[in-house]
Each structure stands twice: as C-alpha cells, then as structure tokens.
Amino acid sequence: QVQLVESGGGLVQAGGSLRLSCAASGSTFSIFAMGWARQAPGKEREFVARISANGGLRDYTESMKGRITISRDNAKNTLYLQMNNLEPEDTAVYYCAAGPNMFRLHVWGQGTQVTVSA
C-alpha cells in the first residue's frame, strides 16, 4: 500500500502562491493516478485536481481552474500542486490521494493546512 505525506501548506495573504508537495512511499508511485482534495471547516471534502499515472491527463475543478496546476515527478515519487492568486475561500486542509485511476482515489495522506488571509 502506498503511503502519502503532504507538505508545503501555511499562511499566505490573498493573491499569494503556495506549492504543495506529496511524497509517496511503500509502493510503485508511477502506477497510481493521483489527486488533490480539500476540506474547509463545515464542508465536504472536494477534489480540486487529478492527474493520471503517467501525467498525460489532468482534471481541475472549475472553481480553481486557471489558478492551480497539478504535476508529478515519478522519478522523485512526488506529486505537486502549484496554487496561485489564492483567495480566502481557498482556506482548507489539502489532502493528496492515490488510486488505480483518476476517479478512484482512495488512499489518503494526513493533510496540510492552507490558510489565506484577506
């Protein structure tokens, strides 16, 4: 089973940028589709970006499209999420997830907090 550890969260002002990382171990990273999801207080967890195992396919949620980029480095067993022009509404715990395809992501990391101040 793959294990996932997120990092890179923090406090940023509105309009700022963050890059989240997700380090994978315990299994062959390159065979897994991956994704990033977020959960704000009182809200359900929602996926914001997904990427196929070889990186050739990517999918973004409409609310963040144009402001985020998902990428992966299979040689480094690492998934990334570049987030630009952040808004206070982006404040949430961000999780990475892995699975057999982009729409079956069921192994989760512990999450990293992103807080965007106005």
Protein backbone atom coordinates (compact mmCIF):
# COMPACT_ATOMS: atom_id res chain seq x y z
CA GLN A 1 0.00 0.00 0.00
CA VAL A 2 1.30 3.45 -0.84
CA GLN A 3 1.83 5.95 1.98
CA LEU A 4 1.40 9.67 1.35
CA VAL A 5 2.80 12.66 3.23
CA GLU A 6 1.82 16.20 2.29
CA SER A 7 3.86 19.33 2.96
CA GLY A 8 4.03 22.95 1.87
CA GLY A 9 0.93 24.36 3.48
CA GLY A 10 0.96 27.55 5.52
CA LEU A 11 -0.40 31.04 5.93
CA VAL A 12 -0.43 33.30 2.88
CA GLN A 13 -2.08 36.59 2.01
CA ALA A 14 -4.78 36.80 -0.62
CA GLY A 15 -3.21 36.90 -4.05
CA GLY A 16 -0.22 34.89 -2.92
CA SER A 17 1.05 31.50 -4.02
CA LEU A 18 1.89 28.17 -2.45
CA ARG A 19 3.25 24.91 -3.79
CA LEU A 20 2.11 21.77 -2.03
CA SER A 21 4.06 18.53 -2.23
CA CYS A 22 3.03 14.96 -1.58
CA ALA A 23 5.78 12.40 -1.04
CA ALA A 24 4.84 8.79 -1.73
CA SER A 25 6.47 5.65 -0.40
CA GLY A 26 5.78 1.99 0.07
CA SER A 27 4.73 1.15 -3.45
CA THR A 28 5.43 1.97 -7.07
CA PHE A 29 4.35 5.60 -7.38
CA SER A 30 4.24 5.64 -11.16
CA ILE A 31 1.38 3.15 -11.39
CA PHE A 32 -1.04 5.30 -9.40
CA ALA A 33 -3.32 8.05 -10.54
CA MET A 34 -3.17 10.90 -8.05
CA GLY A 35 -5.21 13.83 -6.92
CA TRP A 36 -5.54 16.76 -4.54
CA ALA A 37 -8.65 17.38 -2.49
CA ARG A 38 -9.52 19.96 0.14
CA GLN A 39 -11.86 20.22 3.07
CA ALA A 40 -12.88 23.50 4.61
CA PRO A 41 -14.47 23.68 8.08
CA GLY A 42 -18.06 22.57 7.93
CA LYS A 43 -17.83 21.50 4.30
CA GLU A 44 -17.43 18.21 2.50
CA ARG A 45 -14.11 17.15 1.05
CA GLU A 46 -13.87 18.03 -2.65
CA PHE A 47 -11.33 17.13 -5.28
CA VAL A 48 -9.63 20.13 -6.87
CA ALA A 49 -7.19 18.40 -9.23
CA ARG A 50 -6.43 14.94 -10.60
CA ILE A 51 -3.64 13.53 -12.73
CA SER A 52 -3.17 10.22 -14.49
CA ALA A 53 -0.37 7.81 -13.66
CA ASN A 54 1.88 8.99 -16.50
CA GLY A 55 0.87 12.64 -16.13
CA GLY A 56 -0.72 12.83 -19.54
CA LEU A 57 -4.24 13.60 -18.32
CA ARG A 58 -5.23 16.30 -15.85
CA ASP A 59 -8.57 17.42 -14.49
CA TYR A 60 -9.40 20.53 -12.43
CA THR A 61 -12.39 21.74 -10.52
CA GLU A 62 -14.00 24.77 -12.13
CA SER A 63 -13.64 26.99 -9.07
CA MET A 64 -9.85 26.77 -9.18
CA LYS A 65 -9.20 26.26 -12.89
CA GLY A 66 -6.59 28.72 -14.15
CA ARG A 67 -5.14 29.23 -10.66
CA ILE A 68 -3.76 25.76 -9.94
CA THR A 69 -1.50 23.28 -11.69
CA ILE A 70 -1.11 19.65 -10.72
CA SER A 71 2.08 17.86 -11.69
CA ARG A 72 4.10 14.84 -10.72
CA ASP A 73 7.68 13.68 -10.81
CA ASN A 74 7.63 9.90 -10.98
CA ALA A 75 11.41 9.75 -10.57
CA LYS A 76 11.07 11.52 -7.22
CA ASN A 77 7.84 9.80 -6.15
CA THR A 78 6.30 13.22 -5.60
CA LEU A 79 3.07 14.95 -6.50
CA TYR A 80 2.75 18.75 -6.59
CA LEU A 81 0.03 21.36 -6.55
CA GLN A 82 1.01 24.87 -7.56
CA MET A 83 -1.60 27.36 -6.36
CA ASN A 84 -1.57 30.99 -7.47
CA ASN A 85 -3.76 34.02 -6.79
CA LEU A 86 -5.10 32.40 -3.64
CA GLU A 87 -8.35 33.61 -2.12
CA PRO A 88 -9.62 33.43 1.48
CA GLU A 89 -12.19 30.91 0.23
CA ASP A 90 -9.30 28.55 -0.57
CA THR A 91 -8.60 28.13 3.14
CA ALA A 92 -8.83 24.40 3.89
CA VAL A 93 -6.91 21.28 4.72
CA TYR A 94 -5.46 19.94 1.49
CA TYR A 95 -5.03 16.21 1.04
CA CYS A 96 -3.35 14.15 -1.63
CA ALA A 97 -4.82 10.85 -2.71
CA ALA A 98 -3.81 7.86 -4.80
CA GLY A 99 -5.71 5.15 -6.63
CA PRO A 100 -5.99 2.91 -9.67
CA ASN A 101 -7.45 5.66 -11.85
CA MET A 102 -8.23 9.37 -11.69
CA PHE A 103 -11.75 8.83 -10.42
CA ARG A 104 -10.97 6.07 -7.94
CA LEU A 105 -8.63 7.74 -5.48
CA HIS A 106 -8.99 6.13 -2.10
CA VAL A 107 -5.62 6.19 -0.31
CA TRP A 108 -5.19 9.45 1.60
CA GLY A 109 -2.43 11.43 3.24
CA GLN A 110 -2.84 13.22 6.55
CA GLY A 111 -3.36 16.65 5.01
CA THR A 112 -1.69 20.04 5.17
CA GLN A 113 -3.37 23.26 6.29
CA VAL A 114 -3.61 26.18 3.89
CA THR A 115 -4.83 29.47 5.33
CA VAL A 116 -5.37 32.51 3.13
CA SER A 117 -5.82 35.82 4.88
CA ALA A 118 -7.77 38.70 3.39
